[in-house]
């Protein structure tokens, strides 16, 4: 009897062993970024990888697909939503509008007064209603917020006032709020793919685009549009996204590590981008590749755009978010 009990116990142990071994096998997570190693988005995602490994304290394989090798941010978000190919990445809120009408609003022009206001909004978690809606509808989690680049208009001719902006053929993001606000400011906005901007300006289909310093540098927009009008019309918010389907399959300790690392990597990305912005522009100007042009009409643009922002907030039921953001002082 004792021999049979031992044999049965040994057999049970052998049957259980593969499960134990599988539990110890490394987890593989695939990330995606449009840019090269030097870009701050890439560095923020590498920081995320480093922190997850540190906090999870178990083997995890990270594979970060760089330089748009898996497409553009719109595709990354679709892949994460479907739970395939991409597990994490940085995506512009403009590409989340299918699932949340309010998502592009958190990255809208003239939403933030300055970097201090922008930081306070993020620190107070005023964007959480949008994150909750995106996770529920798109099955993608916003686990941190990178960004911090101040966006200006780069053009193939000098632009220094609202009058000189009038009729400017400028590329904007696909979200409706960008088209409406740029129209309200007197420009002629057009939506084309990000990787087509250079050729469109080179061929005079467009006269201008808008971006933060890191994007101007990486995409070499200064070669076809060397005049940078300092409109300072937006400060970027770039969520670090994570597939909810992937997240649900992870052990609890890895889930906790992903959440914590996302917050901290987002803060790292914000600090890096907001501090490097000016240095990048100074370098490009010093090398003679870009000319910064003071812009005198920001308050005038703000006044023209304000009614459009308020109307759009009502339309997408984001009035509470807008009012809470506007109420932040300091």
Protein backbone atom coordinates (compact mmCIF):
# COMPACT_ATOMS: atom_id res chain seq x y z
CA UNK A 1 0.00 0.00 0.00
CA UNK A 2 2.80 2.41 0.90
CA UNK A 3 4.52 1.60 -2.44
CA UNK A 4 1.34 2.39 -4.41
CA UNK A 5 0.83 5.69 -2.55
CA UNK A 6 4.42 6.71 -3.28
CA UNK A 7 4.07 5.75 -6.93
CA UNK A 8 0.86 7.72 -7.26
CA UNK A 9 2.46 10.74 -5.61
CA UNK A 10 5.49 10.52 -7.90
CA UNK A 11 3.25 10.28 -10.97
CA UNK A 12 1.28 13.31 -9.85
CA UNK A 13 4.52 15.21 -9.40
CA UNK A 14 5.66 14.33 -12.91
CA UNK A 15 2.34 15.43 -14.37
CA UNK A 16 2.57 18.74 -12.52
CA UNK A 17 6.16 19.39 -13.52
CA UNK A 18 5.47 20.71 -17.05
CA UNK A 19 3.07 23.29 -15.57
CA UNK A 20 5.75 24.47 -13.18
CA UNK A 21 8.27 24.65 -16.01
CA UNK A 22 5.87 26.60 -18.22
CA UNK A 23 5.26 29.06 -15.41
CA UNK A 24 8.99 29.77 -15.26
CA UNK A 25 9.46 30.24 -19.00
CA UNK A 26 10.21 33.83 -20.06
CA UNK A 27 7.35 36.04 -21.12
CA UNK A 28 7.79 37.78 -24.49
CA UNK A 29 6.37 41.26 -25.06
CA UNK A 30 6.47 43.02 -28.43
CA UNK A 31 6.61 46.80 -28.62
CA UNK A 32 6.53 49.22 -31.55
CA UNK A 33 7.77 52.73 -32.20
CA UNK A 34 7.94 54.83 -35.38
CA UNK A 35 11.35 56.28 -34.63
CA UNK A 36 15.01 55.39 -34.26
CA UNK A 37 17.12 54.81 -31.15
CA UNK A 38 17.77 58.51 -30.55
CA UNK A 39 14.14 59.57 -30.43
CA UNK A 40 12.69 60.22 -26.98
CA UNK A 41 9.72 57.86 -27.60
CA UNK A 42 12.14 55.00 -28.17
CA UNK A 43 14.06 55.91 -25.02
CA UNK A 44 10.85 56.08 -22.98
CA UNK A 45 9.88 52.57 -24.11
CA UNK A 46 13.36 51.25 -23.31
CA UNK A 47 12.98 52.78 -19.86
CA UNK A 48 9.62 50.99 -19.55
CA UNK A 49 11.31 47.68 -20.42
CA UNK A 50 14.06 48.25 -17.88
CA UNK A 51 11.59 49.08 -15.09
CA UNK A 52 9.27 46.14 -15.79
CA UNK A 53 12.20 43.73 -15.55
CA UNK A 54 13.33 45.38 -12.34
CA UNK A 55 9.93 45.31 -10.64
CA UNK A 56 8.71 41.91 -11.91
CA UNK A 57 11.93 40.15 -10.88
CA UNK A 58 11.49 37.35 -13.41
CA UNK A 59 12.63 36.58 -16.98
CA UNK A 60 10.84 38.73 -19.59
CA UNK A 61 11.87 39.10 -23.22
CA UNK A 62 11.16 42.52 -24.74
CA UNK A 63 11.29 43.00 -28.50
CA UNK A 64 10.96 46.63 -29.57
CA UNK A 65 10.28 47.06 -33.29
CA UNK A 66 11.77 50.41 -34.30
CA UNK A 67 11.64 52.73 -37.32
CA UNK A 68 8.02 51.96 -38.29
CA UNK A 69 8.93 48.35 -39.12
CA UNK A 70 5.40 47.31 -38.04
CA UNK A 71 3.68 50.30 -39.62
CA UNK A 72 2.57 53.57 -38.02
CA UNK A 73 0.97 54.39 -34.67
CA UNK A 74 -2.55 53.90 -36.03
CA UNK A 75 -1.65 50.29 -36.87
CA UNK A 76 0.00 49.74 -33.48
CA UNK A 77 -3.18 50.76 -31.70
CA UNK A 78 -5.29 48.46 -33.88
CA UNK A 79 -2.91 45.57 -33.20
CA UNK A 80 -3.04 46.18 -29.43
CA UNK A 81 -6.83 46.39 -29.54
CA UNK A 82 -6.99 43.06 -31.38
CA UNK A 83 -4.49 41.48 -28.99
CA UNK A 84 -1.96 40.54 -31.67
CA UNK A 85 1.48 41.52 -32.99
CA UNK A 86 2.00 44.53 -30.67
CA UNK A 87 1.68 44.43 -26.87
CA UNK A 88 2.86 47.96 -26.03
CA UNK A 89 3.77 51.22 -27.73
CA UNK A 90 3.39 55.00 -27.74
CA UNK A 91 0.40 56.26 -29.73
CA UNK A 92 -0.98 59.71 -30.44
CA UNK A 93 -4.51 60.19 -29.01
CA UNK A 94 -5.64 61.18 -32.51
CA UNK A 95 -5.50 57.49 -33.46
CA UNK A 96 -7.90 56.48 -30.67
CA UNK A 97 -10.92 58.45 -31.88
CA UNK A 98 -12.71 55.37 -33.23
CA UNK A 99 -13.09 54.15 -29.66
CA UNK A 100 -13.26 57.41 -27.73
CA UNK A 101 -14.43 60.69 -29.21
CA UNK A 102 -12.79 62.49 -26.31
CA UNK A 103 -9.36 60.92 -26.84
CA UNK A 104 -8.03 63.42 -29.43
CA UNK A 105 -9.30 66.24 -27.23
CA UNK A 106 -6.62 65.61 -24.58
CA UNK A 107 -4.01 66.50 -27.21
CA UNK A 108 -5.93 69.37 -28.81
CA UNK A 109 -4.41 72.72 -29.80
CA UNK A 110 -4.59 75.47 -27.17
CA UNK A 111 -5.81 73.11 -24.45
CA UNK A 112 -2.85 73.86 -22.18
CA UNK A 113 -1.58 77.29 -21.25
CA UNK A 114 2.03 76.20 -20.77
CA UNK A 115 4.18 73.29 -19.61
CA UNK A 116 3.40 73.91 -15.94
CA UNK A 117 -0.35 73.73 -16.61
CA UNK A 118 0.15 70.60 -18.72
CA UNK A 119 2.16 68.88 -15.97
CA UNK A 120 -0.45 69.68 -13.34
CA UNK A 121 -3.26 68.24 -15.43
CA UNK A 122 -1.36 64.97 -15.81
CA UNK A 123 -0.27 64.83 -12.16
CA UNK A 124 -3.87 65.34 -11.01
CA UNK A 125 -5.01 62.45 -13.26
CA UNK A 126 -7.63 64.60 -14.97
CA UNK A 127 -7.38 62.45 -18.10
CA UNK A 128 -8.59 59.29 -16.34
CA UNK A 129 -12.16 59.39 -17.81
CA UNK A 130 -10.69 59.11 -21.30
CA UNK A 131 -8.34 56.28 -20.25
CA UNK A 132 -11.25 54.38 -18.70
CA UNK A 133 -13.34 54.69 -21.85
CA UNK A 134 -10.51 53.57 -24.12
CA UNK A 135 -9.76 50.52 -21.98
CA UNK A 136 -13.44 49.55 -21.94
CA UNK A 137 -14.10 50.03 -25.63
CA UNK A 138 -10.73 49.43 -27.31
CA UNK A 139 -9.22 46.98 -24.82
CA UNK A 140 -6.10 49.11 -24.67
CA UNK A 141 -4.76 50.48 -21.39
CA UNK A 142 -3.13 53.88 -21.06
CA UNK A 143 -0.49 53.04 -18.45
CA UNK A 144 1.55 56.26 -18.60
CA UNK A 145 1.79 59.61 -20.33
CA UNK A 146 4.89 60.64 -22.28
CA UNK A 147 5.12 63.69 -24.53
CA UNK A 148 5.88 67.25 -23.53
CA UNK A 149 7.05 68.60 -26.86
CA UNK A 150 5.79 72.08 -27.71
CA UNK A 151 4.36 72.04 -31.22
CA UNK A 152 5.05 74.81 -33.73
CA UNK A 153 4.38 75.30 -37.44
CA UNK A 154 7.22 74.58 -39.87
CA UNK A 155 6.72 76.15 -43.29
CA UNK A 156 8.41 76.70 -46.63
CA UNK A 157 8.09 80.47 -46.13
CA UNK A 158 8.35 82.85 -43.16
CA UNK A 159 5.16 83.15 -41.08
CA UNK A 160 5.08 85.59 -38.18
CA UNK A 161 1.46 86.68 -37.73
CA UNK A 162 -2.13 85.51 -38.00
CA UNK A 163 -2.46 87.45 -41.25
CA UNK A 164 0.42 85.47 -42.75
CA UNK A 165 -1.16 82.19 -41.60
CA UNK A 166 -4.34 82.91 -43.55
CA UNK A 167 -4.93 80.23 -46.18
CA UNK A 168 -1.75 78.34 -45.27
CA UNK A 169 -1.95 74.75 -46.58
CA UNK A 170 -0.84 72.92 -43.47
CA UNK A 171 -0.91 69.24 -42.60
CA UNK A 172 -2.81 68.36 -39.41
CA UNK A 173 -3.62 65.15 -37.56
CA UNK A 174 -6.73 63.25 -38.56
CA UNK A 175 -8.84 64.13 -35.51
CA UNK A 176 -11.67 66.58 -36.22
CA UNK A 177 -10.63 69.01 -33.50
CA UNK A 178 -7.35 69.74 -35.31
CA UNK A 179 -9.08 70.49 -38.59
CA UNK A 180 -11.68 72.73 -36.94
CA UNK A 181 -9.26 74.73 -34.80
CA UNK A 182 -6.82 75.36 -37.64
CA UNK A 183 -9.69 76.45 -39.86
CA UNK A 184 -10.88 78.81 -37.11
CA UNK A 185 -7.39 80.33 -37.03
CA UNK A 186 -7.65 81.03 -40.77
CA UNK A 187 -5.51 78.23 -42.19
CA UNK A 188 -6.36 75.58 -44.80
CA UNK A 189 -5.66 72.31 -42.95
CA UNK A 190 -5.23 69.04 -44.79
CA UNK A 191 -4.99 65.49 -43.45
CA UNK A 192 -2.33 63.22 -44.93
CA UNK A 193 -0.23 60.40 -43.50
CA UNK A 194 2.68 61.45 -41.31
CA UNK A 195 5.26 59.80 -43.55
CA UNK A 196 3.97 61.71 -46.61
CA UNK A 197 4.45 65.24 -45.21
CA UNK A 198 8.01 65.71 -46.49
CA UNK A 199 7.16 64.88 -50.10
CA UNK A 200 3.93 66.88 -49.98
CA UNK A 201 5.81 70.04 -48.99
CA UNK A 202 8.63 69.31 -51.42
CA UNK A 203 6.08 69.04 -54.25
CA UNK A 204 4.16 72.14 -53.06
CA UNK A 205 1.01 70.14 -52.28
CA UNK A 206 1.44 71.54 -48.77
CA UNK A 207 3.19 74.64 -47.53
CA UNK A 208 3.58 73.62 -43.90
CA UNK A 209 3.13 71.10 -41.13
CA UNK A 210 3.17 71.22 -37.35
CA UNK A 211 5.24 69.21 -34.93
CA UNK A 212 7.46 69.24 -31.87
CA UNK A 213 11.24 69.56 -32.18
CA UNK A 214 11.94 65.81 -32.00
CA UNK A 215 9.66 65.13 -34.96
CA UNK A 216 11.10 67.99 -37.02
CA UNK A 217 14.58 66.59 -36.44
CA UNK A 218 13.81 62.91 -37.03
CA UNK A 219 11.72 63.45 -40.18
CA UNK A 220 14.10 66.14 -41.48
CA UNK A 221 11.23 68.52 -42.14
CA UNK A 222 13.67 71.43 -41.92
CA UNK A 223 15.02 70.42 -45.35
CA UNK A 224 11.76 71.33 -47.11
CA UNK A 225 10.28 73.77 -44.56
CA UNK A 226 13.13 75.59 -42.79
CA UNK A 227 11.01 78.36 -41.25
CA UNK A 228 9.65 77.51 -37.79
CA UNK A 229 6.86 79.84 -36.65
CA UNK A 230 6.78 79.77 -32.85
CA UNK A 231 3.01 79.42 -32.54
CA UNK A 232 3.34 77.10 -29.51
CA UNK A 233 -0.18 75.94 -30.28
CA UNK A 234 -0.04 72.59 -28.49
CA UNK A 235 1.89 70.50 -25.97
CA UNK A 236 1.92 66.84 -26.81
CA UNK A 237 0.48 64.03 -24.74
CA UNK A 238 1.63 60.63 -25.94
CA UNK A 239 0.17 57.76 -23.91
CA UNK A 240 2.18 54.61 -23.31
CA UNK A 241 -0.35 51.97 -24.32
CA UNK A 242 -0.62 48.31 -23.38
CA UNK A 243 -2.93 45.65 -24.79
CA UNK A 244 -5.55 44.72 -22.18
CA UNK A 245 -5.74 41.20 -23.64
CA UNK A 246 -2.01 40.72 -23.15
CA UNK A 247 -2.22 42.25 -19.68
CA UNK A 248 -4.95 39.78 -18.64
CA UNK A 249 -2.67 36.84 -19.48
CA UNK A 250 0.23 38.07 -17.35
CA UNK A 251 0.96 36.87 -13.80
CA UNK A 252 -0.14 39.31 -11.12
CA UNK A 253 3.38 40.41 -10.20
CA UNK A 254 4.08 41.27 -13.85
CA UNK A 255 0.78 43.16 -14.12
CA UNK A 256 1.76 45.26 -11.12
CA UNK A 257 5.21 45.84 -12.63
CA UNK A 258 3.68 46.95 -15.96
CA UNK A 259 1.39 49.50 -14.27
CA UNK A 260 4.16 50.93 -12.11
CA UNK A 261 6.70 50.99 -14.93
CA UNK A 262 4.21 52.66 -17.27
CA UNK A 263 3.67 55.57 -14.89
CA UNK A 264 7.39 56.04 -14.28
CA UNK A 265 8.45 55.64 -17.91
CA UNK A 266 5.81 58.20 -18.87
CA UNK A 267 7.25 60.66 -16.37
CA UNK A 268 10.73 59.95 -17.73
CA UNK A 269 9.55 60.62 -21.28
CA UNK A 270 7.84 63.88 -20.31
CA UNK A 271 10.89 65.17 -18.52
CA UNK A 272 13.21 64.21 -21.36
CA UNK A 273 11.13 65.62 -24.19
CA UNK A 274 10.19 68.87 -22.49
CA UNK A 275 13.81 69.62 -21.59
CA UNK A 276 15.33 68.52 -24.90
CA UNK A 277 12.89 70.48 -27.07
CA UNK A 278 14.70 73.80 -26.79
CA UNK A 279 18.15 72.26 -27.12
CA UNK A 280 17.15 70.56 -30.39
CA UNK A 281 15.87 73.81 -31.90
CA UNK A 282 18.96 75.74 -30.78
CA UNK A 283 21.20 73.13 -32.40
CA UNK A 284 19.27 73.10 -35.70
CA UNK A 285 19.28 76.88 -35.84
CA UNK A 286 22.98 77.06 -34.95
CA UNK A 287 23.75 74.63 -37.79
CA UNK A 288 21.83 76.84 -40.22
CA UNK A 289 19.22 74.18 -40.95
CA UNK A 290 16.27 75.93 -39.31
CA UNK A 291 15.22 79.50 -38.65
CA UNK A 292 13.01 80.20 -35.66
CA UNK A 293 10.52 83.01 -36.31
CA UNK A 294 8.84 84.84 -33.42
CA UNK A 295 5.06 84.69 -33.75
CA UNK A 296 3.02 87.64 -32.54
CA UNK A 297 -0.51 86.29 -32.82
CA UNK A 298 -0.85 83.46 -30.32
CA UNK A 299 -3.42 85.29 -28.16
CA UNK A 300 -5.37 86.18 -31.29
CA UNK A 301 -5.35 82.54 -32.38
CA UNK A 302 -6.41 81.46 -28.87
CA UNK A 303 -9.40 83.82 -28.98
CA UNK A 304 -10.46 82.56 -32.42
CA UNK A 305 -10.17 78.93 -31.39
CA UNK A 306 -11.85 79.13 -27.93
CA UNK A 307 -15.48 78.95 -29.18
CA UNK A 308 -14.59 75.98 -31.38
CA UNK A 309 -13.01 74.17 -28.43
CA UNK A 310 -16.07 74.79 -26.23
CA UNK A 311 -18.49 73.66 -28.95
CA UNK A 312 -16.47 70.54 -29.64
CA UNK A 313 -16.30 69.67 -25.95
CA UNK A 314 -20.12 69.82 -25.81
CA UNK A 315 -20.41 67.71 -28.95
CA UNK A 316 -18.25 64.89 -27.61
CA UNK A 317 -19.53 65.20 -24.03
CA UNK A 318 -16.16 66.31 -22.72
CA UNK A 319 -17.33 69.56 -21.11
CA UNK A 320 -16.45 68.28 -17.65
CA UNK A 321 -12.91 67.39 -18.74
CA UNK A 322 -12.43 70.81 -20.34
CA UNK A 323 -13.78 72.68 -17.35
CA UNK A 324 -11.57 70.73 -14.94
CA UNK A 325 -8.51 71.38 -17.10
CA UNK A 326 -9.34 75.09 -17.37
CA UNK A 327 -9.82 75.26 -13.60
CA UNK A 328 -6.25 74.15 -12.88
CA UNK A 329 -4.31 77.16 -11.68
CA UNK A 330 -0.66 77.88 -11.16
